[in-house]
Protein backbone atom coordinates (compact mmCIF):
# COMPACT_ATOMS: atom_id res chain seq x y z
CA UNK A 1 0.00 0.00 0.00
CA UNK A 2 1.15 3.52 -0.73
CA UNK A 3 1.75 5.64 2.32
CA UNK A 4 0.47 9.20 2.42
CA UNK A 5 2.96 12.06 2.68
CA UNK A 6 1.90 12.73 6.27
CA UNK A 7 2.30 9.07 7.22
CA UNK A 8 5.72 8.90 5.55
CA UNK A 9 6.88 12.08 7.30
CA UNK A 10 5.64 10.81 10.65
CA UNK A 11 7.32 7.42 10.16
CA UNK A 12 10.59 9.03 9.04
CA UNK A 13 10.60 11.33 12.06
CA UNK A 14 9.82 8.41 14.37
CA UNK A 15 12.69 6.39 12.89
CA UNK A 16 15.07 9.36 13.16
CA UNK A 17 14.20 9.87 16.83
CA UNK A 18 14.55 6.14 17.52
CA UNK A 19 18.01 6.20 15.92
CA UNK A 20 19.05 9.14 18.11
CA UNK A 21 17.80 7.29 21.22
CA UNK A 22 19.63 4.13 20.14
CA UNK A 23 22.87 6.10 19.65
CA UNK A 24 22.70 7.64 23.14
CA UNK A 25 24.68 4.92 25.01
CA UNK A 26 27.57 4.96 22.49
CA UNK A 27 29.82 7.22 24.58
CA UNK A 28 33.12 5.53 23.69
CA UNK A 29 35.51 7.27 21.30
CA UNK A 30 36.39 6.38 17.73
CA UNK A 31 39.96 6.41 16.33
CA UNK A 32 39.75 10.19 15.77
CA UNK A 33 38.64 10.88 19.35
CA UNK A 34 35.00 11.57 18.44
CA UNK A 35 32.26 10.11 20.58
CA UNK A 36 30.52 7.33 18.60
CA UNK A 37 27.15 8.77 19.62
CA UNK A 38 27.98 12.00 17.77
CA UNK A 39 29.34 10.13 14.75
CA UNK A 40 26.14 8.06 14.53
CA UNK A 41 23.94 11.14 14.94
CA UNK A 42 25.76 13.03 12.18
CA UNK A 43 25.57 10.00 9.90
CA UNK A 44 21.83 9.59 10.51
CA UNK A 45 21.23 13.29 9.88
CA UNK A 46 23.18 13.11 6.62
CA UNK A 47 21.25 10.03 5.44
CA UNK A 48 17.90 11.66 6.20
CA UNK A 49 18.92 14.94 4.55
CA UNK A 50 20.03 13.11 1.40
CA UNK A 51 16.67 11.29 1.22
CA UNK A 52 14.59 14.36 2.06
CA UNK A 53 13.33 15.08 -1.45
CA UNK A 54 12.73 11.49 -2.58
CA UNK A 55 9.24 11.23 -4.08
CA UNK A 56 8.97 7.58 -5.10
CA UNK A 57 6.77 5.87 -2.48
CA UNK A 58 8.38 2.47 -3.11
CA UNK A 59 11.89 3.84 -2.57
CA UNK A 60 10.79 5.76 0.53
CA UNK A 61 9.13 2.68 2.00
CA UNK A 62 12.24 0.61 1.30
CA UNK A 63 14.53 3.21 2.89
CA UNK A 64 12.36 3.32 6.02
CA UNK A 65 12.30 -0.48 6.24
CA UNK A 66 16.08 -0.78 5.78
CA UNK A 67 16.69 1.99 8.31
CA UNK A 68 14.41 0.37 10.90
CA UNK A 69 16.03 -3.05 10.28
CA UNK A 70 19.55 -1.66 10.72
CA UNK A 71 18.56 0.12 13.92
CA UNK A 72 16.98 -3.05 15.30
CA UNK A 73 20.14 -5.02 14.53
CA UNK A 74 22.17 -2.48 16.50
CA UNK A 75 19.69 -2.70 19.40
CA UNK A 76 19.84 -6.51 19.36
CA UNK A 77 23.64 -6.39 19.39
CA UNK A 78 23.56 -4.01 22.35
CA UNK A 79 21.18 -6.29 24.25
CA UNK A 80 23.32 -9.33 23.48
CA UNK A 81 26.45 -7.55 24.74
CA UNK A 82 24.65 -6.42 27.90
CA UNK A 83 23.55 -10.01 28.56
CA UNK A 84 27.11 -11.28 28.04
CA UNK A 85 28.45 -8.68 30.48
CA UNK A 86 25.77 -9.54 33.01
CA UNK A 87 26.45 -13.28 32.72
CA UNK A 88 30.18 -12.64 33.05
CA UNK A 89 29.67 -10.54 36.18
CA UNK A 90 27.47 -13.19 37.85
CA UNK A 91 29.72 -16.19 37.10
CA UNK A 92 31.35 -17.81 40.10
CA UNK A 93 35.15 -17.50 40.13
CA UNK A 94 36.96 -20.16 38.12
CA UNK A 95 38.67 -22.88 40.22
CA UNK A 96 42.20 -21.98 39.05
CA UNK A 97 41.67 -18.31 39.82
CA UNK A 98 42.57 -17.36 43.39
CA UNK A 99 39.69 -15.95 45.38
CA UNK A 100 40.13 -12.58 47.05
CA UNK A 101 40.34 -12.63 50.84
CA UNK A 102 36.98 -12.48 52.63
CA UNK A 103 37.57 -8.93 53.86
CA UNK A 104 37.43 -7.69 50.22
CA UNK A 105 33.93 -9.04 49.73
PDB file of N, CA and C in Angstrom:
ATOM      1  N   UNK A   1       0.835  -1.187   0.000  1.00  0.00           N
ATOM      2  CA  UNK A   1       0.000   0.000   0.000  1.00  0.00           C
ATOM      3  C   UNK A   1       0.883   1.255   0.000  1.00  0.00           C
ATOM      4  N   UNK A   2       0.394   2.276  -0.632  1.00  0.00           N
ATOM      5  CA  UNK A   2       1.145   3.524  -0.734  1.00  0.00           C
ATOM      6  C   UNK A   2       0.840   4.370   0.499  1.00  0.00           C
ATOM      7  N   UNK A   3       1.914   4.817   1.135  1.00  0.00           N
ATOM      8  CA  UNK A   3       1.748   5.641   2.321  1.00  0.00           C
ATOM      9  C   UNK A   3       1.514   7.088   1.916  1.00  0.00           C
ATOM     10  N   UNK A   4       0.691   7.783   2.684  1.00  0.00           N
ATOM     11  CA  UNK A   4       0.468   9.201   2.416  1.00  0.00           C
ATOM     12  C   UNK A   4       1.705   9.989   2.835  1.00  0.00           C
ATOM     13  N   UNK A   5       1.807  11.205   2.351  1.00  0.00           N
ATOM     14  CA  UNK A   5       2.956  12.056   2.676  1.00  0.00           C
ATOM     15  C   UNK A   5       3.054  12.283   4.179  1.00  0.00           C
ATOM     16  N   UNK A   6       1.911  12.502   4.828  1.00  0.00           N
ATOM     17  CA  UNK A   6       1.896  12.725   6.274  1.00  0.00           C
ATOM     18  C   UNK A   6       2.370  11.487   7.007  1.00  0.00           C
ATOM     19  N   UNK A   7       1.901  10.325   6.586  1.00  0.00           N
ATOM     20  CA  UNK A   7       2.300   9.070   7.219  1.00  0.00           C
ATOM     21  C   UNK A   7       3.796   8.834   7.038  1.00  0.00           C
ATOM     22  N   UNK A   8       4.298   9.087   5.838  1.00  0.00           N
ATOM     23  CA  UNK A   8       5.717   8.905   5.549  1.00  0.00           C
ATOM     24  C   UNK A   8       6.548   9.854   6.410  1.00  0.00           C
ATOM     25  N   UNK A   9       6.143  11.098   6.488  1.00  0.00           N
ATOM     26  CA  UNK A   9       6.877  12.077   7.299  1.00  0.00           C
ATOM     27  C   UNK A   9       6.888  11.668   8.761  1.00  0.00           C
ATOM     28  N   UNK A  10       5.754  11.229   9.254  1.00  0.00           N
ATOM     29  CA  UNK A  10       5.641  10.814  10.650  1.00  0.00           C
ATOM     30  C   UNK A  10       6.526   9.593  10.914  1.00  0.00           C
ATOM     31  N   UNK A  11       6.510   8.639   9.998  1.00  0.00           N
ATOM     32  CA  UNK A  11       7.317   7.421  10.161  1.00  0.00           C
ATOM     33  C   UNK A  11       8.804   7.739  10.075  1.00  0.00           C
ATOM     34  N   UNK A  12       9.181   8.627   9.163  1.00  0.00           N
ATOM     35  CA  UNK A  12      10.591   9.026   9.035  1.00  0.00           C
ATOM     36  C   UNK A  12      11.061   9.733  10.304  1.00  0.00           C
ATOM     37  N   UNK A  13      10.252  10.625  10.837  1.00  0.00           N
ATOM     38  CA  UNK A  13      10.600  11.334  12.062  1.00  0.00           C
ATOM     39  C   UNK A  13      10.709  10.364  13.242  1.00  0.00           C
ATOM     40  N   UNK A  14       9.776   9.416  13.299  1.00  0.00           N
ATOM     41  CA  UNK A  14       9.818   8.412  14.368  1.00  0.00           C
ATOM     42  C   UNK A  14      11.101   7.586  14.286  1.00  0.00           C
ATOM     43  N   UNK A  15      11.472   7.165  13.081  1.00  0.00           N
ATOM     44  CA  UNK A  15      12.692   6.386  12.890  1.00  0.00           C
ATOM     45  C   UNK A  15      13.916   7.221  13.279  1.00  0.00           C
ATOM     46  N   UNK A  16      13.946   8.471  12.849  1.00  0.00           N
ATOM     47  CA  UNK A  16      15.071   9.357  13.162  1.00  0.00           C
ATOM     48  C   UNK A  16      15.231   9.501  14.681  1.00  0.00           C
ATOM     49  N   UNK A  17      14.146   9.736  15.372  1.00  0.00           N
ATOM     50  CA  UNK A  17      14.202   9.868  16.835  1.00  0.00           C
ATOM     51  C   UNK A  17      14.637   8.561  17.495  1.00  0.00           C
ATOM     52  N   UNK A  18      14.145   7.445  16.982  1.00  0.00           N
ATOM     53  CA  UNK A  18      14.549   6.139  17.524  1.00  0.00           C
ATOM     54  C   UNK A  18      16.046   5.907  17.329  1.00  0.00           C
ATOM     55  N   UNK A  19      16.575   6.335  16.178  1.00  0.00           N
ATOM     56  CA  UNK A  19      18.012   6.198  15.919  1.00  0.00           C
ATOM     57  C   UNK A  19      18.803   7.048  16.913  1.00  0.00           C
ATOM     58  N   UNK A  20      18.360   8.277  17.149  1.00  0.00           N
ATOM     59  CA  UNK A  20      19.045   9.144  18.110  1.00  0.00           C
ATOM     60  C   UNK A  20      19.027   8.531  19.507  1.00  0.00           C
ATOM     61  N   UNK A  21      17.893   7.952  19.897  1.00  0.00           N
ATOM     62  CA  UNK A  21      17.802   7.292  21.216  1.00  0.00           C
ATOM     63  C   UNK A  21      18.721   6.076  21.273  1.00  0.00           C
ATOM     64  N   UNK A  22      18.781   5.325  20.192  1.00  0.00           N
ATOM     65  CA  UNK A  22      19.632   4.130  20.144  1.00  0.00           C
ATOM     66  C   UNK A  22      21.103   4.515  20.233  1.00  0.00           C
ATOM     67  N   UNK A  23      21.471   5.656  19.656  1.00  0.00           N
ATOM     68  CA  UNK A  23      22.870   6.104  19.655  1.00  0.00           C
ATOM     69  C   UNK A  23      23.314   6.630  21.014  1.00  0.00           C
ATOM     70  N   UNK A  24      22.378   6.990  21.868  1.00  0.00           N
ATOM     71  CA  UNK A  24      22.697   7.636  23.141  1.00  0.00           C
ATOM     72  C   UNK A  24      23.757   6.921  23.986  1.00  0.00           C
ATOM     73  N   UNK A  25      23.690   5.579  24.149  1.00  0.00           N
ATOM     74  CA  UNK A  25      24.681   4.916  25.007  1.00  0.00           C
ATOM     75  C   UNK A  25      26.092   4.799  24.412  1.00  0.00           C
ATOM     76  N   UNK A  26      26.264   5.131  23.144  1.00  0.00           N
ATOM     77  CA  UNK A  26      27.568   4.960  22.487  1.00  0.00           C
ATOM     78  C   UNK A  26      28.499   6.118  22.856  1.00  0.00           C
ATOM     79  N   UNK A  27      28.996   6.103  24.081  1.00  0.00           N
ATOM     80  CA  UNK A  27      29.816   7.215  24.577  1.00  0.00           C
ATOM     81  C   UNK A  27      31.309   6.974  24.396  1.00  0.00           C
ATOM     82  N   UNK A  28      31.696   5.791  23.902  1.00  0.00           N
ATOM     83  CA  UNK A  28      33.123   5.527  23.689  1.00  0.00           C
ATOM     84  C   UNK A  28      33.607   6.277  22.441  1.00  0.00           C
ATOM     85  N   UNK A  29      34.911   6.459  22.359  1.00  0.00           N
ATOM     86  CA  UNK A  29      35.506   7.274  21.300  1.00  0.00           C
ATOM     87  C   UNK A  29      35.948   6.437  20.104  1.00  0.00           C
ATOM     88  N   UNK A  30      35.862   7.030  18.924  1.00  0.00           N
ATOM     89  CA  UNK A  30      36.386   6.376  17.725  1.00  0.00           C
ATOM     90  C   UNK A  30      37.885   6.685  17.605  1.00  0.00           C
ATOM     91  N   UNK A  31      38.511   6.238  16.523  1.00  0.00           N
ATOM     92  CA  UNK A  31      39.957   6.413  16.330  1.00  0.00           C
ATOM     93  C   UNK A  31      40.367   7.888  16.274  1.00  0.00           C
ATOM     94  N   UNK A  32      39.444   8.761  15.878  1.00  0.00           N
ATOM     95  CA  UNK A  32      39.750  10.193  15.771  1.00  0.00           C
ATOM     96  C   UNK A  32      39.432  10.950  17.062  1.00  0.00           C
ATOM     97  N   UNK A  33      38.962  10.234  18.084  1.00  0.00           N
ATOM     98  CA  UNK A  33      38.639  10.884  19.352  1.00  0.00           C
ATOM     99  C   UNK A  33      37.232  11.441  19.421  1.00  0.00           C
ATOM    100  N   UNK A  34      36.392  11.111  18.438  1.00  0.00           N
ATOM    101  CA  UNK A  34      35.002  11.565  18.439  1.00  0.00           C
ATOM    102  C   UNK A  34      34.138  10.539  19.163  1.00  0.00           C
ATOM    103  N   UNK A  35      33.166  11.020  19.913  1.00  0.00           N
ATOM    104  CA  UNK A  35      32.256  10.108  20.580  1.00  0.00           C
ATOM    105  C   UNK A  35      31.394   9.418  19.517  1.00  0.00           C
ATOM    106  N   UNK A  36      31.285   8.086  19.593  1.00  0.00           N
ATOM    107  CA  UNK A  36      30.522   7.330  18.600  1.00  0.00           C
ATOM    108  C   UNK A  36      29.089   7.833  18.496  1.00  0.00           C
ATOM    109  N   UNK A  37      28.521   8.244  19.622  1.00  0.00           N
ATOM    110  CA  UNK A  37      27.149   8.772  19.621  1.00  0.00           C
ATOM    111  C   UNK A  37      27.035   9.928  18.633  1.00  0.00           C
ATOM    112  N   UNK A  38      28.012  10.837  18.661  1.00  0.00           N
ATOM    113  CA  UNK A  38      27.981  11.996  17.772  1.00  0.00           C
ATOM    114  C   UNK A  38      28.201  11.595  16.318  1.00  0.00           C
ATOM    115  N   UNK A  39      29.086  10.636  16.099  1.00  0.00           N
ATOM    116  CA  UNK A  39      29.341  10.133  14.746  1.00  0.00           C
ATOM    117  C   UNK A  39      28.055   9.524  14.177  1.00  0.00           C
ATOM    118  N   UNK A  40      27.378   8.707  14.979  1.00  0.00           N
ATOM    119  CA  UNK A  40      26.141   8.058  14.529  1.00  0.00           C
ATOM    120  C   UNK A  40      25.044   9.084  14.275  1.00  0.00           C
ATOM    121  N   UNK A  41      24.954  10.085  15.130  1.00  0.00           N
ATOM    122  CA  UNK A  41      23.936  11.136  14.941  1.00  0.00           C
ATOM    123  C   UNK A  41      24.176  11.914  13.657  1.00  0.00           C
ATOM    124  N   UNK A  42      25.443  12.297  13.413  1.00  0.00           N
ATOM    125  CA  UNK A  42      25.763  13.026  12.181  1.00  0.00           C
ATOM    126  C   UNK A  42      25.457  12.183  10.943  1.00  0.00           C
ATOM    127  N   UNK A  43      25.805  10.906  11.018  1.00  0.00           N
ATOM    128  CA  UNK A  43      25.568  10.002   9.896  1.00  0.00           C
ATOM    129  C   UNK A  43      24.071   9.866   9.616  1.00  0.00           C
ATOM    130  N   UNK A  44      23.285   9.709  10.675  1.00  0.00           N
ATOM    131  CA  UNK A  44      21.828   9.590  10.511  1.00  0.00           C
ATOM    132  C   UNK A  44      21.271  10.861   9.893  1.00  0.00           C
ATOM    133  N   UNK A  45      21.714  12.000  10.403  1.00  0.00           N
ATOM    134  CA  UNK A  45      21.234  13.287   9.879  1.00  0.00           C
ATOM    135  C   UNK A  45      21.549  13.419   8.394  1.00  0.00           C
ATOM    136  N   UNK A  46      22.769  13.038   8.019  1.00  0.00           N
ATOM    137  CA  UNK A  46      23.181  13.113   6.617  1.00  0.00           C
ATOM    138  C   UNK A  46      22.318  12.207   5.744  1.00  0.00           C
ATOM    139  N   UNK A  47      22.082  10.976   6.216  1.00  0.00           N
ATOM    140  CA  UNK A  47      21.254  10.031   5.442  1.00  0.00           C
ATOM    141  C   UNK A  47      19.846  10.586   5.235  1.00  0.00           C
ATOM    142  N   UNK A  48      19.259  11.135   6.303  1.00  0.00           N
ATOM    143  CA  UNK A  48      17.904  11.659   6.202  1.00  0.00           C
ATOM    144  C   UNK A  48      17.854  12.894   5.318  1.00  0.00           C
ATOM    145  N   UNK A  49      18.870  13.749   5.407  1.00  0.00           N
ATOM    146  CA  UNK A  49      18.917  14.940   4.552  1.00  0.00           C
ATOM    147  C   UNK A  49      19.029  14.555   3.081  1.00  0.00           C
ATOM    148  N   UNK A  50      19.852  13.549   2.784  1.00  0.00           N
ATOM    149  CA  UNK A  50      20.026  13.115   1.398  1.00  0.00           C
ATOM    150  C   UNK A  50      18.737  12.527   0.827  1.00  0.00           C
ATOM    151  N   UNK A  51      17.913  11.933   1.679  1.00  0.00           N
ATOM    152  CA  UNK A  51      16.673  11.289   1.221  1.00  0.00           C
ATOM    153  C   UNK A  51      15.469  12.226   1.303  1.00  0.00           C
ATOM    154  N   UNK A  52      15.685  13.429   1.782  1.00  0.00           N
ATOM    155  CA  UNK A  52      14.595  14.363   2.062  1.00  0.00           C
ATOM    156  C   UNK A  52      13.650  14.613   0.893  1.00  0.00           C
ATOM    157  N   UNK A  53      14.175  14.715  -0.310  1.00  0.00           N
ATOM    158  CA  UNK A  53      13.333  15.083  -1.449  1.00  0.00           C
ATOM    159  C   UNK A  53      12.958  13.900  -2.343  1.00  0.00           C
ATOM    160  N   UNK A  54      13.147  12.692  -1.829  1.00  0.00           N
ATOM    161  CA  UNK A  54      12.730  11.495  -2.584  1.00  0.00           C
ATOM    162  C   UNK A  54      11.209  11.487  -2.678  1.00  0.00           C
ATOM    163  N   UNK A  55      10.689  11.222  -3.872  1.00  0.00           N
ATOM    164  CA  UNK A  55       9.235  11.234  -4.083  1.00  0.00           C
ATOM    165  C   UNK A  55       8.643   9.868  -4.384  1.00  0.00           C
ATOM    166  N   UNK A  56       9.475   8.907  -4.733  1.00  0.00           N
ATOM    167  CA  UNK A  56       8.974   7.579  -5.100  1.00  0.00           C
ATOM    168  C   UNK A  56       8.562   6.826  -3.834  1.00  0.00           C
ATOM    169  N   UNK A  57       7.258   6.534  -3.689  1.00  0.00           N
ATOM    170  CA  UNK A  57       6.766   5.867  -2.485  1.00  0.00           C
ATOM    171  C   UNK A  57       7.426   4.508  -2.229  1.00  0.00           C
ATOM    172  N   UNK A  58       7.739   3.777  -3.280  1.00  0.00           N
ATOM    173  CA  UNK A  58       8.376   2.465  -3.112  1.00  0.00           C
ATOM    174  C   UNK A  58       9.787   2.620  -2.542  1.00  0.00           C
ATOM    175  N   UNK A  59      10.522   3.604  -3.052  1.00  0.00           N
ATOM    176  CA  UNK A  59      11.886   3.838  -2.565  1.00  0.00           C
ATOM    177  C   UNK A  59      11.851   4.331  -1.122  1.00  0.00           C
ATOM    178  N   UNK A  60      10.913   5.244  -0.829  1.00  0.00           N
ATOM    179  CA  UNK A  60      10.788   5.762   0.535  1.00  0.00           C
ATOM    180  C   UNK A  60      10.462   4.640   1.508  1.00  0.00           C
ATOM    181  N   UNK A  61       9.514   3.800   1.136  1.00  0.00           N
ATOM    182  CA  UNK A  61       9.127   2.679   1.997  1.00  0.00           C
ATOM    183  C   UNK A  61      10.311   1.754   2.233  1.00  0.00           C
ATOM    184  N   UNK A  62      11.065   1.476   1.171  1.00  0.00           N
ATOM    185  CA  UNK A  62      12.235   0.608   1.300  1.00  0.00           C
ATOM    186  C   UNK A  62      13.287   1.232   2.209  1.00  0.00           C
ATOM    187  N   UNK A  63      13.540   2.541   2.038  1.00  0.00           N
ATOM    188  CA  UNK A  63      14.527   3.215   2.890  1.00  0.00           C
ATOM    189  C   UNK A  63      14.118   3.159   4.359  1.00  0.00           C
ATOM    190  N   UNK A  64      12.834   3.375   4.635  1.00  0.00           N
ATOM    191  CA  UNK A  64      12.355   3.317   6.017  1.00  0.00           C
ATOM    192  C   UNK A  64      12.504   1.908   6.592  1.00  0.00           C
ATOM    193  N   UNK A  65      12.189   0.904   5.774  1.00  0.00           N
ATOM    194  CA  UNK A  65      12.303  -0.483   6.238  1.00  0.00           C
ATOM    195  C   UNK A  65      13.762  -0.857   6.501  1.00  0.00           C
ATOM    196  N   UNK A  66      14.653  -0.473   5.604  1.00  0.00           N
ATOM    197  CA  UNK A  66      16.077  -0.777   5.775  1.00  0.00           C
ATOM    198  C   UNK A  66      16.625  -0.044   6.999  1.00  0.00           C
ATOM    199  N   UNK A  67      16.246   1.215   7.166  1.00  0.00           N
ATOM    200  CA  UNK A  67      16.686   1.994   8.314  1.00  0.00           C
ATOM    201  C   UNK A  67      16.223   1.384   9.627  1.00  0.00           C
ATOM    202  N   UNK A  68      14.970   0.982   9.679  1.00  0.00           N
ATOM    203  CA  UNK A  68      14.414   0.367  10.895  1.00  0.00           C
ATOM    204  C   UNK A  68      15.121  -0.966  11.162  1.00  0.00           C
ATOM    205  N   UNK A  69      15.356  -1.750  10.119  1.00  0.00           N
ATOM    206  CA  UNK A  69      16.026  -3.046  10.276  1.00  0.00           C
ATOM    207  C   UNK A  69      17.445  -2.869  10.814  1.00  0.00           C
ATOM    208  N   UNK A  70      18.182  -1.918  10.252  1.00  0.00           N
ATOM    209  CA  UNK A  70      19.553  -1.657  10.720  1.00  0.00           C
ATOM    210  C   UNK A  70      19.553  -1.232  12.186  1.00  0.00           C
ATOM    211  N   UNK A  71      18.625  -0.351  12.546  1.00  0.00           N
ATOM    212  CA  UNK A  71      18.560   0.116  13.915  1.00  0.00           C
ATOM    213  C   UNK A  71      18.237  -1.042  14.866  1.00  0.00           C
ATOM    214  N   UNK A  72      17.334  -1.907  14.458  1.00  0.00           N
ATOM    215  CA  UNK A  72      16.975  -3.051  15.297  1.00  0.00           C
ATOM    216  C   UNK A  72      18.156  -4.007  15.459  1.00  0.00           C
ATOM    217  N   UNK A  73      18.952  -4.178  14.422  1.00  0.00           N
ATOM    218  CA  UNK A  73      20.142  -5.021  14.526  1.00  0.00           C
ATOM    219  C   UNK A  73      21.127  -4.443  15.535  1.00  0.00           C
ATOM    220  N   UNK A  74      21.291  -3.133  15.528  1.00  0.00           N
ATOM    221  CA  UNK A  74      22.173  -2.484  16.503  1.00  0.00           C
ATOM    222  C   UNK A  74      21.624  -2.692  17.914  1.00  0.00           C
ATOM    223  N   UNK A  75      20.311  -2.510  18.083  1.00  0.00           N
ATOM    224  CA  UNK A  75      19.690  -2.696  19.398  1.00  0.00           C
ATOM    225  C   UNK A  75      19.853  -4.137  19.883  1.00  0.00           C
ATOM    226  N   UNK A  76      19.667  -5.090  18.988  1.00  0.00           N
ATOM    227  CA  UNK A  76      19.838  -6.505  19.360  1.00  0.00           C
ATOM    228  C   UNK A  76      21.278  -6.787  19.761  1.00  0.00           C
ATOM    229  N   UNK A  77      22.235  -6.213  19.040  1.00  0.00           N
ATOM    230  CA  UNK A  77      23.643  -6.386  19.385  1.00  0.00           C
ATOM    231  C   UNK A  77      23.953  -5.797  20.750  1.00  0.00           C
ATOM    232  N   UNK A  78      23.359  -4.641  21.040  1.00  0.00           N
ATOM    233  CA  UNK A  78      23.561  -4.014  22.345  1.00  0.00           C
ATOM    234  C   UNK A  78      22.994  -4.893  23.461  1.00  0.00           C
ATOM    235  N   UNK A  79      21.796  -5.431  23.237  1.00  0.00           N
ATOM    236  CA  UNK A  79      21.181  -6.293  24.254  1.00  0.00           C
ATOM    237  C   UNK A  79      22.008  -7.558  24.469  1.00  0.00           C
ATOM    238  N   UNK A  80      22.506  -8.122  23.381  1.00  0.00           N
ATOM    239  CA  UNK A  80      23.322  -9.328  23.483  1.00  0.00           C
ATOM    240  C   UNK A  80      24.580  -9.051  24.295  1.00  0.00           C
ATOM    241  N   UNK A  81      25.237  -7.919  24.014  1.00  0.00           N
ATOM    242  CA  UNK A  81      26.450  -7.551  24.738  1.00  0.00           C
ATOM    243  C   UNK A  81      26.155  -7.303  26.218  1.00  0.00           C
ATOM    244  N   UNK A  82      25.033  -6.661  26.508  1.00  0.00           N
ATOM    245  CA  UNK A  82      24.654  -6.423  27.898  1.00  0.00           C
ATOM    246  C   UNK A  82      24.419  -7.739  28.632  1.00  0.00           C
ATOM    247  N   UNK A  83      23.775  -8.696  27.958  1.00  0.00           N
ATOM    248  CA  UNK A  83      23.549 -10.011  28.564  1.00  0.00           C
ATOM    249  C   UNK A  83      24.866 -10.726  28.823  1.00  0.00           C
ATOM    250  N   UNK A  84      25.796 -10.650  27.858  1.00  0.00           N
ATOM    251  CA  UNK A  84      27.110 -11.276  28.041  1.00  0.00           C
ATOM    252  C   UNK A  84      27.836 -10.673  29.245  1.00  0.00           C
ATOM    253  N   UNK A  85      27.795  -9.347  29.355  1.00  0.00           N
ATOM    254  CA  UNK A  85      28.452  -8.684  30.477  1.00  0.00           C
ATOM    255  C   UNK A  85      27.799  -9.061  31.805  1.00  0.00           C
ATOM    256  N   UNK A  86      26.482  -9.161  31.799  1.00  0.00           N
ATOM    257  CA  UNK A  86      25.765  -9.545  33.009  1.00  0.00           C
ATOM    258  C   UNK A  86      26.107 -10.974  33.412  1.00  0.00           C
ATOM    259  N   UNK A  87      26.105 -11.884  32.440  1.00  0.00           N
ATOM    260  CA  UNK A  87      26.448 -13.281  32.721  1.00  0.00           C
ATOM    261  C   UNK A  87      27.880 -13.388  33.228  1.00  0.00           C
ATOM    262  N   UNK A  88      28.781 -12.622  32.631  1.00  0.00           N
ATOM    263  CA  UNK A  88      30.185 -12.638  33.046  1.00  0.00           C
ATOM    264  C   UNK A  88      30.328 -12.146  34.485  1.00  0.00           C
ATOM    265  N   UNK A  89      29.564 -11.124  34.834  1.00  0.00           N
ATOM    266  CA  UNK A  89      29.673 -10.543  36.181  1.00  0.00           C
ATOM    267  C   UNK A  89      29.031 -11.419  37.251  1.00  0.00           C
ATOM    268  N   UNK A  90      28.135 -12.333  36.854  1.00  0.00           N
ATOM    269  CA  UNK A  90      27.470 -13.186  37.846  1.00  0.00           C
ATOM    270  C   UNK A  90      28.056 -14.592  37.902  1.00  0.00           C
ATOM    271  N   UNK A  91      29.075 -14.870  37.078  1.00  0.00           N
ATOM    272  CA  UNK A  91      29.720 -16.189  37.096  1.00  0.00           C
ATOM    273  C   UNK A  91      30.503 -16.362  38.389  1.00  0.00           C
ATOM    274  N   UNK A  92      30.485 -17.572  38.946  1.00  0.00           N
ATOM    275  CA  UNK A  92      31.349 -17.807  40.098  1.00  0.00           C
ATOM    276  C   UNK A  92      32.807 -17.808  39.638  1.00  0.00           C
ATOM    277  N   UNK A  93      33.740 -17.505  40.536  1.00  0.00           N
ATOM    278  CA  UNK A  93      35.153 -17.499  40.129  1.00  0.00           C
ATOM    279  C   UNK A  93      35.578 -18.876  39.623  1.00  0.00           C
ATOM    280  N   UNK A  94      36.469 -18.885  38.658  1.00  0.00           N
ATOM    281  CA  UNK A  94      36.958 -20.158  38.122  1.00  0.00           C
ATOM    282  C   UNK A  94      37.859 -20.817  39.164  1.00  0.00           C
ATOM    283  N   UNK A  95      37.900 -22.162  39.189  1.00  0.00           N
ATOM    284  CA  UNK A  95      38.672 -22.877  40.216  1.00  0.00           C
ATOM    285  C   UNK A  95      40.157 -22.508  40.229  1.00  0.00           C
ATOM    286  N   UNK A  96      40.765 -22.279  39.074  1.00  0.00           N
ATOM    287  CA  UNK A  96      42.195 -21.985  39.052  1.00  0.00           C
ATOM    288  C   UNK A  96      42.501 -20.516  39.341  1.00  0.00           C
ATOM    289  N   UNK A  97      41.477 -19.724  39.522  1.00  0.00           N
ATOM    290  CA  UNK A  97      41.669 -18.311  39.815  1.00  0.00           C
ATOM    291  C   UNK A  97      41.589 -18.115  41.335  1.00  0.00           C
ATOM    292  N   UNK A  98      42.617 -17.527  41.931  1.00  0.00           N
ATOM    293  CA  UNK A  98      42.570 -17.360  43.388  1.00  0.00           C
ATOM    294  C   UNK A  98      41.443 -16.412  43.799  1.00  0.00           C
ATOM    295  N   UNK A  99      40.766 -16.779  44.864  1.00  0.00           N
ATOM    296  CA  UNK A  99      39.686 -15.947  45.377  1.00  0.00           C
ATOM    297  C   UNK A  99      40.274 -14.824  46.219  1.00  0.00           C
ATOM    298  N   UNK A 100      39.644 -13.649  46.190  1.00  0.00           N
ATOM    299  CA  UNK A 100      40.129 -12.576  47.054  1.00  0.00           C
ATOM    300  C   UNK A 100      39.823 -12.910  48.515  1.00  0.00           C
ATOM    301  N   UNK A 101      40.612 -12.384  49.419  1.00  0.00           N
ATOM    302  CA  UNK A 101      40.335 -12.633  50.841  1.00  0.00           C
ATOM    303  C   UNK A 101      38.940 -12.149  51.208  1.00  0.00           C
ATOM    304  N   UNK A 102      38.360 -12.780  52.219  1.00  0.00           N
ATOM    305  CA  UNK A 102      36.982 -12.482  52.634  1.00  0.00           C
ATOM    306  C   UNK A 102      36.785 -10.996  52.939  1.00  0.00           C
ATOM    307  N   UNK A 103      37.777 -10.330  53.486  1.00  0.00           N
ATOM    308  CA  UNK A 103      37.571  -8.932  53.859  1.00  0.00           C
ATOM    309  C   UNK A 103      37.417  -7.992  52.664  1.00  0.00           C
ATOM    310  N   UNK A 104      37.677  -8.481  51.436  1.00  0.00           N
ATOM    311  CA  UNK A 104      37.427  -7.688  50.224  1.00  0.00           C
ATOM    312  C   UNK A 104      36.007  -7.843  49.712  1.00  0.00           C
ATOM    313  N   UNK A 105      35.291  -8.807  50.231  1.00  0.00           N
ATOM    314  CA  UNK A 105      33.930  -9.044  49.733  1.00  0.00           C
ATOM    315  C   UNK A 105      32.916  -8.159  50.423  1.00  0.00           C
TER     316      UNK A 105
END
